[in-house]
């Protein structure tokens, strides 16, 4: 098994505050779901009253507050949004 390239970390406090490092892009967000990409793949955050407090794409840090219910990892190989052509062939 190949070693992952890149760094990614999560700190979750009381299911209400979340700090994520290694963020490369945010795909979409609303009060119930935030879909993003990290250096180690896709990540979806689900909850209620979700709010992005801080986002530093240059530093790769994302800070979220709200009632966090789930953290769901997706494809390890996707670290950024698909191009329009890539979406057609997915």
PDB file of N, CA and C in Angstrom:
ATOM      1  N   UNK A   1       0.840  -1.191   0.000  1.00  0.00           N
ATOM      2  CA  UNK A   1       0.000   0.000   0.000  1.00  0.00           C
ATOM      3  C   UNK A   1       0.880   1.248   0.000  1.00  0.00           C
ATOM      4  N   UNK A   2       0.569   2.170  -0.896  1.00  0.00           N
ATOM      5  CA  UNK A   2       1.373   3.384  -1.027  1.00  0.00           C
ATOM      6  C   UNK A   2       1.093   4.347   0.122  1.00  0.00           C
ATOM      7  N   UNK A   3       2.128   5.027   0.565  1.00  0.00           N
ATOM      8  CA  UNK A   3       1.992   6.034   1.615  1.00  0.00           C
ATOM      9  C   UNK A   3       1.296   7.263   1.044  1.00  0.00           C
ATOM     10  N   UNK A   4       0.384   7.877   1.802  1.00  0.00           N
ATOM     11  CA  UNK A   4      -0.265   9.089   1.311  1.00  0.00           C
ATOM     12  C   UNK A   4       0.729  10.235   1.181  1.00  0.00           C
ATOM     13  N   UNK A   5       0.500  11.084   0.183  1.00  0.00           N
ATOM     14  CA  UNK A   5       1.341  12.260   0.025  1.00  0.00           C
ATOM     15  C   UNK A   5       0.551  13.477   0.472  1.00  0.00           C
ATOM     16  N   UNK A   6       1.131  14.291   1.276  1.00  0.00           N
ATOM     17  CA  UNK A   6       0.436  15.461   1.797  1.00  0.00           C
ATOM     18  C   UNK A   6       0.124  15.295   3.272  1.00  0.00           C
ATOM     19  N   UNK A   7      -0.472  16.343   3.835  1.00  0.00           N
ATOM     20  CA  UNK A   7      -0.793  16.350   5.261  1.00  0.00           C
ATOM     21  C   UNK A   7      -2.235  16.807   5.432  1.00  0.00           C
ATOM     22  N   UNK A   8      -2.878  16.261   6.455  1.00  0.00           N
ATOM     23  CA  UNK A   8      -4.265  16.605   6.741  1.00  0.00           C
ATOM     24  C   UNK A   8      -4.542  16.269   8.201  1.00  0.00           C
ATOM     25  N   UNK A   9      -5.230  17.161   8.890  1.00  0.00           N
ATOM     26  CA  UNK A   9      -5.562  16.913  10.292  1.00  0.00           C
ATOM     27  C   UNK A   9      -6.921  17.492  10.634  1.00  0.00           C
ATOM     28  N   UNK A  10      -7.544  16.903  11.663  1.00  0.00           N
ATOM     29  CA  UNK A  10      -8.853  17.370  12.130  1.00  0.00           C
ATOM     30  C   UNK A  10      -8.837  17.436  13.646  1.00  0.00           C
ATOM     31  N   UNK A  11      -9.345  18.551  14.179  1.00  0.00           N
ATOM     32  CA  UNK A  11      -9.585  18.678  15.616  1.00  0.00           C
ATOM     33  C   UNK A  11     -11.057  19.014  15.783  1.00  0.00           C
ATOM     34  N   UNK A  12     -11.789  18.149  16.476  1.00  0.00           N
ATOM     35  CA  UNK A  12     -13.212  18.349  16.717  1.00  0.00           C
ATOM     36  C   UNK A  12     -13.417  18.531  18.214  1.00  0.00           C
ATOM     37  N   UNK A  13     -14.026  19.666  18.596  1.00  0.00           N
ATOM     38  CA  UNK A  13     -14.279  19.966  20.005  1.00  0.00           C
ATOM     39  C   UNK A  13     -15.777  19.964  20.277  1.00  0.00           C
ATOM     40  N   UNK A  14     -16.219  19.075  21.144  1.00  0.00           N
ATOM     41  CA  UNK A  14     -17.607  19.032  21.620  1.00  0.00           C
ATOM     42  C   UNK A  14     -18.640  18.961  20.496  1.00  0.00           C
ATOM     43  N   UNK A  15     -18.268  18.387  19.374  1.00  0.00           N
ATOM     44  CA  UNK A  15     -19.156  18.275  18.202  1.00  0.00           C
ATOM     45  C   UNK A  15     -19.698  19.634  17.754  1.00  0.00           C
ATOM     46  N   UNK A  16     -19.029  20.717  18.154  1.00  0.00           N
ATOM     47  CA  UNK A  16     -19.501  22.061  17.825  1.00  0.00           C
ATOM     48  C   UNK A  16     -18.458  22.908  17.105  1.00  0.00           C
ATOM     49  N   UNK A  17     -17.174  22.587  17.261  1.00  0.00           N
ATOM     50  CA  UNK A  17     -16.088  23.334  16.637  1.00  0.00           C
ATOM     51  C   UNK A  17     -15.156  22.360  15.935  1.00  0.00           C
ATOM     52  N   UNK A  18     -14.840  22.702  14.698  1.00  0.00           N
ATOM     53  CA  UNK A  18     -14.006  21.817  13.900  1.00  0.00           C
ATOM     54  C   UNK A  18     -12.918  22.634  13.226  1.00  0.00           C
ATOM     55  N   UNK A  19     -11.678  22.176  13.327  1.00  0.00           N
ATOM     56  CA  UNK A  19     -10.569  22.807  12.617  1.00  0.00           C
ATOM     57  C   UNK A  19      -9.923  21.752  11.733  1.00  0.00           C
ATOM     58  N   UNK A  20      -9.800  22.072  10.448  1.00  0.00           N
ATOM     59  CA  UNK A  20      -9.259  21.133   9.476  1.00  0.00           C
ATOM     60  C   UNK A  20      -8.032  21.762   8.833  1.00  0.00           C
ATOM     61  N   UNK A  21      -6.953  20.996   8.738  1.00  0.00           N
ATOM     62  CA  UNK A  21      -5.751  21.451   8.034  1.00  0.00           C
ATOM     63  C   UNK A  21      -5.561  20.600   6.782  1.00  0.00           C
ATOM     64  N   UNK A  22      -4.808  21.132   5.853  1.00  0.00           N
ATOM     65  CA  UNK A  22      -4.556  20.410   4.604  1.00  0.00           C
ATOM     66  C   UNK A  22      -5.667  20.591   3.589  1.00  0.00           C
ATOM     67  N   UNK A  23      -6.497  21.635   3.753  1.00  0.00           N
ATOM     68  CA  UNK A  23      -7.609  21.896   2.830  1.00  0.00           C
ATOM     69  C   UNK A  23      -7.057  22.525   1.555  1.00  0.00           C
ATOM     70  N   UNK A  24      -7.472  21.985   0.405  1.00  0.00           N
ATOM     71  CA  UNK A  24      -7.021  22.529  -0.877  1.00  0.00           C
ATOM     72  C   UNK A  24      -8.118  23.312  -1.589  1.00  0.00           C
ATOM     73  N   UNK A  25      -9.393  22.996  -1.323  1.00  0.00           N
ATOM     74  CA  UNK A  25     -10.493  23.686  -2.002  1.00  0.00           C
ATOM     75  C   UNK A  25     -11.810  23.348  -1.311  1.00  0.00           C
ATOM     76  N   UNK A  26     -12.760  24.273  -1.364  1.00  0.00           N
ATOM     77  CA  UNK A  26     -14.122  24.014  -0.881  1.00  0.00           C
ATOM     78  C   UNK A  26     -15.010  23.932  -2.113  1.00  0.00           C
ATOM     79  N   UNK A  27     -15.720  22.813  -2.250  1.00  0.00           N
ATOM     80  CA  UNK A  27     -16.567  22.583  -3.415  1.00  0.00           C
ATOM     81  C   UNK A  27     -17.911  23.293  -3.268  1.00  0.00           C
ATOM     82  N   UNK A  28     -18.575  23.074  -2.131  1.00  0.00           N
ATOM     83  CA  UNK A  28     -19.868  23.705  -1.877  1.00  0.00           C
ATOM     84  C   UNK A  28     -20.129  23.701  -0.381  1.00  0.00           C
ATOM     85  N   UNK A  29     -21.034  24.606   0.046  1.00  0.00           N
ATOM     86  CA  UNK A  29     -21.387  24.633   1.462  1.00  0.00           C
ATOM     87  C   UNK A  29     -22.755  25.266   1.648  1.00  0.00           C
ATOM     88  N   UNK A  30     -23.435  24.822   2.686  1.00  0.00           N
ATOM     89  CA  UNK A  30     -24.671  25.435   3.164  1.00  0.00           C
ATOM     90  C   UNK A  30     -24.771  25.116   4.649  1.00  0.00           C
ATOM     91  N   UNK A  31     -25.891  25.387   5.270  1.00  0.00           N
ATOM     92  CA  UNK A  31     -26.010  25.196   6.720  1.00  0.00           C
ATOM     93  C   UNK A  31     -26.057  23.735   7.144  1.00  0.00           C
ATOM     94  N   UNK A  32     -26.228  22.800   6.182  1.00  0.00           N
ATOM     95  CA  UNK A  32     -26.333  21.385   6.523  1.00  0.00           C
ATOM     96  C   UNK A  32     -25.186  20.526   5.987  1.00  0.00           C
ATOM     97  N   UNK A  33     -24.394  21.074   5.054  1.00  0.00           N
ATOM     98  CA  UNK A  33     -23.331  20.259   4.464  1.00  0.00           C
ATOM     99  C   UNK A  33     -22.226  21.138   3.901  1.00  0.00           C
ATOM    100  N   UNK A  34     -20.984  20.712   4.140  1.00  0.00           N
ATOM    101  CA  UNK A  34     -19.820  21.365   3.548  1.00  0.00           C
ATOM    102  C   UNK A  34     -19.018  20.268   2.849  1.00  0.00           C
ATOM    103  N   UNK A  35     -18.804  20.432   1.548  1.00  0.00           N
ATOM    104  CA  UNK A  35     -18.013  19.471   0.776  1.00  0.00           C
ATOM    105  C   UNK A  35     -16.701  20.150   0.404  1.00  0.00           C
ATOM    106  N   UNK A  36     -15.597  19.491   0.722  1.00  0.00           N
ATOM    107  CA  UNK A  36     -14.294  20.091   0.477  1.00  0.00           C
ATOM    108  C   UNK A  36     -13.287  19.041   0.050  1.00  0.00           C
ATOM    109  N   UNK A  37     -12.116  19.523  -0.345  1.00  0.00           N
ATOM    110  CA  UNK A  37     -11.024  18.649  -0.736  1.00  0.00           C
ATOM    111  C   UNK A  37      -9.832  18.936   0.172  1.00  0.00           C
ATOM    112  N   UNK A  38      -9.161  17.874   0.589  1.00  0.00           N
ATOM    113  CA  UNK A  38      -7.943  18.000   1.380  1.00  0.00           C
ATOM    114  C   UNK A  38      -6.794  17.418   0.570  1.00  0.00           C
ATOM    115  N   UNK A  39      -5.600  17.557   1.088  1.00  0.00           N
ATOM    116  CA  UNK A  39      -4.432  16.980   0.416  1.00  0.00           C
ATOM    117  C   UNK A  39      -4.523  15.464   0.344  1.00  0.00           C
ATOM    118  N   UNK A  40      -5.399  14.867   1.165  1.00  0.00           N
ATOM    119  CA  UNK A  40      -5.551  13.413   1.173  1.00  0.00           C
ATOM    120  C   UNK A  40      -6.915  12.964   0.675  1.00  0.00           C
ATOM    121  N   UNK A  41      -7.640  13.831  -0.037  1.00  0.00           N
ATOM    122  CA  UNK A  41      -8.895  13.412  -0.663  1.00  0.00           C
ATOM    123  C   UNK A  41     -10.104  14.225  -0.236  1.00  0.00           C
ATOM    124  N   UNK A  42     -11.272  13.740  -0.676  1.00  0.00           N
ATOM    125  CA  UNK A  42     -12.544  14.413  -0.425  1.00  0.00           C
ATOM    126  C   UNK A  42     -12.990  14.262   1.031  1.00  0.00           C
ATOM    127  N   UNK A  43     -13.690  15.281   1.534  1.00  0.00           N
ATOM    128  CA  UNK A  43     -14.267  15.239   2.875  1.00  0.00           C
ATOM    129  C   UNK A  43     -15.587  15.995   2.854  1.00  0.00           C
ATOM    130  N   UNK A  44     -16.633  15.375   3.420  1.00  0.00           N
ATOM    131  CA  UNK A  44     -17.935  16.019   3.552  1.00  0.00           C
ATOM    132  C   UNK A  44     -18.270  16.116   5.029  1.00  0.00           C
ATOM    133  N   UNK A  45     -18.683  17.302   5.451  1.00  0.00           N
ATOM    134  CA  UNK A  45     -19.091  17.552   6.837  1.00  0.00           C
ATOM    135  C   UNK A  45     -20.598  17.742   6.817  1.00  0.00           C
ATOM    136  N   UNK A  46     -21.322  16.992   7.648  1.00  0.00           N
ATOM    137  CA  UNK A  46     -22.774  17.131   7.730  1.00  0.00           C
ATOM    138  C   UNK A  46     -23.165  17.572   9.124  1.00  0.00           C
ATOM    139  N   UNK A  47     -24.228  18.378   9.199  1.00  0.00           N
ATOM    140  CA  UNK A  47     -24.692  18.853  10.495  1.00  0.00           C
ATOM    141  C   UNK A  47     -25.828  19.838  10.348  1.00  0.00           C
ATOM    142  N   UNK A  48     -25.999  20.659  11.369  1.00  0.00           N
ATOM    143  CA  UNK A  48     -27.037  21.689  11.385  1.00  0.00           C
ATOM    144  C   UNK A  48     -26.401  23.014  11.785  1.00  0.00           C
ATOM    145  N   UNK A  49     -26.901  24.078  11.203  1.00  0.00           N
ATOM    146  CA  UNK A  49     -26.405  25.433  11.486  1.00  0.00           C
ATOM    147  C   UNK A  49     -24.890  25.545  11.310  1.00  0.00           C
ATOM    148  N   UNK A  50     -24.364  24.922  10.256  1.00  0.00           N
ATOM    149  CA  UNK A  50     -22.926  24.969   9.998  1.00  0.00           C
ATOM    150  C   UNK A  50     -22.537  26.347   9.479  1.00  0.00           C
ATOM    151  N   UNK A  51     -21.411  26.832   9.969  1.00  0.00           N
ATOM    152  CA  UNK A  51     -20.921  28.154   9.602  1.00  0.00           C
ATOM    153  C   UNK A  51     -19.409  28.092   9.480  1.00  0.00           C
ATOM    154  N   UNK A  52     -18.880  28.568   8.348  1.00  0.00           N
ATOM    155  CA  UNK A  52     -17.431  28.633   8.162  1.00  0.00           C
ATOM    156  C   UNK A  52     -16.936  29.916   8.818  1.00  0.00           C
ATOM    157  N   UNK A  53     -16.140  29.779   9.868  1.00  0.00           N
ATOM    158  CA  UNK A  53     -15.591  30.934  10.580  1.00  0.00           C
ATOM    159  C   UNK A  53     -14.359  31.496   9.909  1.00  0.00           C
ATOM    160  N   UNK A  54     -13.502  30.601   9.450  1.00  0.00           N
ATOM    161  CA  UNK A  54     -12.221  31.027   8.892  1.00  0.00           C
ATOM    162  C   UNK A  54     -11.829  30.069   7.787  1.00  0.00           C
ATOM    163  N   UNK A  55     -11.303  30.647   6.711  1.00  0.00           N
ATOM    164  CA  UNK A  55     -10.796  29.815   5.635  1.00  0.00           C
ATOM    165  C   UNK A  55      -9.549  30.463   5.068  1.00  0.00           C
ATOM    166  N   UNK A  56      -8.469  29.711   5.061  1.00  0.00           N
ATOM    167  CA  UNK A  56      -7.212  30.181   4.505  1.00  0.00           C
ATOM    168  C   UNK A  56      -6.736  29.151   3.494  1.00  0.00           C
ATOM    169  N   UNK A  57      -7.044  29.392   2.227  1.00  0.00           N
ATOM    170  CA  UNK A  57      -6.637  28.445   1.193  1.00  0.00           C
ATOM    171  C   UNK A  57      -5.120  28.385   1.096  1.00  0.00           C
ATOM    172  N   UNK A  58      -4.460  29.539   1.237  1.00  0.00           N
ATOM    173  CA  UNK A  58      -3.001  29.564   1.207  1.00  0.00           C
ATOM    174  C   UNK A  58      -2.396  28.733   2.325  1.00  0.00           C
ATOM    175  N   UNK A  59      -2.985  28.824   3.515  1.00  0.00           N
ATOM    176  CA  UNK A  59      -2.508  28.060   4.661  1.00  0.00           C
ATOM    177  C   UNK A  59      -3.160  26.698   4.781  1.00  0.00           C
ATOM    178  N   UNK A  60      -4.241  26.474   4.022  1.00  0.00           N
ATOM    179  CA  UNK A  60      -4.913  25.179   4.032  1.00  0.00           C
ATOM    180  C   UNK A  60      -5.715  24.912   5.292  1.00  0.00           C
ATOM    181  N   UNK A  61      -6.190  25.970   5.974  1.00  0.00           N
ATOM    182  CA  UNK A  61      -6.921  25.806   7.234  1.00  0.00           C
ATOM    183  C   UNK A  61      -8.374  26.225   7.051  1.00  0.00           C
ATOM    184  N   UNK A  62      -9.288  25.427   7.607  1.00  0.00           N
ATOM    185  CA  UNK A  62     -10.716  25.735   7.583  1.00  0.00           C
ATOM    186  C   UNK A  62     -11.260  25.533   8.988  1.00  0.00           C
ATOM    187  N   UNK A  63     -12.011  26.520   9.474  1.00  0.00           N
ATOM    188  CA  UNK A  63     -12.607  26.460  10.799  1.00  0.00           C
ATOM    189  C   UNK A  63     -14.129  26.520  10.654  1.00  0.00           C
ATOM    190  N   UNK A  64     -14.826  25.560  11.277  1.00  0.00           N
ATOM    191  CA  UNK A  64     -16.277  25.433  11.153  1.00  0.00           C
ATOM    192  C   UNK A  64     -16.901  25.372  12.541  1.00  0.00           C
ATOM    193  N   UNK A  65     -18.069  26.017  12.691  1.00  0.00           N
ATOM    194  CA  UNK A  65     -18.857  25.898  13.919  1.00  0.00           C
ATOM    195  C   UNK A  65     -20.265  25.480  13.564  1.00  0.00           C
ATOM    196  N   UNK A  66     -20.933  24.797  14.477  1.00  0.00           N
ATOM    197  CA  UNK A  66     -22.304  24.349  14.294  1.00  0.00           C
ATOM    198  C   UNK A  66     -22.500  23.026  15.001  1.00  0.00           C
ATOM    199  N   UNK A  67     -23.623  22.381  14.742  1.00  0.00           N
ATOM    200  CA  UNK A  67     -23.928  21.065  15.307  1.00  0.00           C
ATOM    201  C   UNK A  67     -23.429  20.018  14.310  1.00  0.00           C
ATOM    202  N   UNK A  68     -22.213  19.514  14.523  1.00  0.00           N
ATOM    203  CA  UNK A  68     -21.557  18.616  13.578  1.00  0.00           C
ATOM    204  C   UNK A  68     -22.001  17.178  13.852  1.00  0.00           C
ATOM    205  N   UNK A  69     -22.586  16.545  12.821  1.00  0.00           N
ATOM    206  CA  UNK A  69     -23.142  15.189  12.959  1.00  0.00           C
ATOM    207  C   UNK A  69     -22.276  14.115  12.311  1.00  0.00           C
ATOM    208  N   UNK A  70     -21.578  14.456  11.203  1.00  0.00           N
ATOM    209  CA  UNK A  70     -20.823  13.420  10.494  1.00  0.00           C
ATOM    210  C   UNK A  70     -19.656  14.019   9.711  1.00  0.00           C
ATOM    211  N   UNK A  71     -18.584  13.257   9.639  1.00  0.00           N
ATOM    212  CA  UNK A  71     -17.439  13.545   8.778  1.00  0.00           C
ATOM    213  C   UNK A  71     -17.302  12.344   7.859  1.00  0.00           C
ATOM    214  N   UNK A  72     -17.435  12.557   6.561  1.00  0.00           N
ATOM    215  CA  UNK A  72     -17.448  11.451   5.607  1.00  0.00           C
ATOM    216  C   UNK A  72     -16.327  11.652   4.592  1.00  0.00           C
ATOM    217  N   UNK A  73     -15.419  10.677   4.533  1.00  0.00           N
ATOM    218  CA  UNK A  73     -14.333  10.738   3.563  1.00  0.00           C
ATOM    219  C   UNK A  73     -14.758  10.068   2.268  1.00  0.00           C
ATOM    220  N   UNK A  74     -14.312  10.663   1.155  1.00  0.00           N
ATOM    221  CA  UNK A  74     -14.595  10.121  -0.175  1.00  0.00           C
ATOM    222  C   UNK A  74     -13.316   9.651  -0.832  1.00  0.00           C
ATOM    223  N   UNK A  75     -13.255   9.835  -2.133  1.00  0.00           N
ATOM    224  CA  UNK A  75     -12.147   9.393  -2.973  1.00  0.00           C
ATOM    225  C   UNK A  75     -10.819   9.994  -2.507  1.00  0.00           C
ATOM    226  N   UNK A  76      -9.854   9.142  -2.216  1.00  0.00           N
ATOM    227  CA  UNK A  76      -8.524   9.600  -1.763  1.00  0.00           C
ATOM    228  C   UNK A  76      -7.758  10.322  -2.860  1.00  0.00           C
ATOM    229  N   UNK A  77      -8.063  10.007  -4.111  1.00  0.00           N
ATOM    230  CA  UNK A  77      -7.310  10.573  -5.228  1.00  0.00           C
ATOM    231  C   UNK A  77      -7.815  11.941  -5.671  1.00  0.00           C
ATOM    232  N   UNK A  78      -9.004  12.348  -5.225  1.00  0.00           N
ATOM    233  CA  UNK A  78      -9.545  13.657  -5.631  1.00  0.00           C
ATOM    234  C   UNK A  78      -9.166  14.705  -4.609  1.00  0.00           C
ATOM    235  N   UNK A  79      -8.274  15.598  -5.004  1.00  0.00           N
ATOM    236  CA  UNK A  79      -7.830  16.659  -4.100  1.00  0.00           C
ATOM    237  C   UNK A  79      -8.253  18.038  -4.583  1.00  0.00           C
ATOM    238  N   UNK A  80      -9.000  18.093  -5.697  1.00  0.00           N
ATOM    239  CA  UNK A  80      -9.534  19.357  -6.201  1.00  0.00           C
ATOM    240  C   UNK A  80     -10.769  19.078  -7.052  1.00  0.00           C
ATOM    241  N   UNK A  81     -11.503  20.131  -7.376  1.00  0.00           N
ATOM    242  CA  UNK A  81     -12.715  20.007  -8.171  1.00  0.00           C
ATOM    243  C   UNK A  81     -12.406  19.418  -9.536  1.00  0.00           C
ATOM    244  N   UNK A  82     -13.383  18.690 -10.068  1.00  0.00           N
ATOM    245  CA  UNK A  82     -13.257  18.189 -11.429  1.00  0.00           C
ATOM    246  C   UNK A  82     -13.521  19.312 -12.415  1.00  0.00           C
ATOM    247  N   UNK A  83     -12.831  19.276 -13.528  1.00  0.00           N
ATOM    248  CA  UNK A  83     -13.121  20.234 -14.595  1.00  0.00           C
ATOM    249  C   UNK A  83     -14.467  19.856 -15.209  1.00  0.00           C
ATOM    250  N   UNK A  84     -15.021  20.718 -16.031  1.00  0.00           N
ATOM    251  CA  UNK A  84     -16.293  20.439 -16.675  1.00  0.00           C
ATOM    252  C   UNK A  84     -16.193  19.157 -17.499  1.00  0.00           C
ATOM    253  N   UNK A  85     -15.086  18.960 -18.213  1.00  0.00           N
ATOM    254  CA  UNK A  85     -14.881  17.763 -19.006  1.00  0.00           C
ATOM    255  C   UNK A  85     -14.767  16.535 -18.103  1.00  0.00           C
ATOM    256  N   UNK A  86     -14.086  16.674 -16.976  1.00  0.00           N
ATOM    257  CA  UNK A  86     -13.956  15.575 -16.027  1.00  0.00           C
ATOM    258  C   UNK A  86     -15.287  15.143 -15.463  1.00  0.00           C
ATOM    259  N   UNK A  87     -16.203  16.099 -15.220  1.00  0.00           N
ATOM    260  CA  UNK A  87     -17.540  15.778 -14.709  1.00  0.00           C
ATOM    261  C   UNK A  87     -18.339  14.969 -15.719  1.00  0.00           C
ATOM    262  N   UNK A  88     -18.148  15.260 -17.008  1.00  0.00           N
ATOM    263  CA  UNK A  88     -18.868  14.540 -18.049  1.00  0.00           C
ATOM    264  C   UNK A  88     -18.492  13.065 -18.106  1.00  0.00           C
ATOM    265  N   UNK A  89     -17.219  12.751 -17.839  1.00  0.00           N
ATOM    266  CA  UNK A  89     -16.742  11.391 -17.952  1.00  0.00           C
ATOM    267  C   UNK A  89     -16.638  10.649 -16.630  1.00  0.00           C
ATOM    268  N   UNK A  90     -17.133  11.228 -15.572  1.00  0.00           N
ATOM    269  CA  UNK A  90     -17.066  10.590 -14.255  1.00  0.00           C
ATOM    270  C   UNK A  90     -18.116   9.536 -14.113  1.00  0.00           C
TER     271      UNK A  90
END
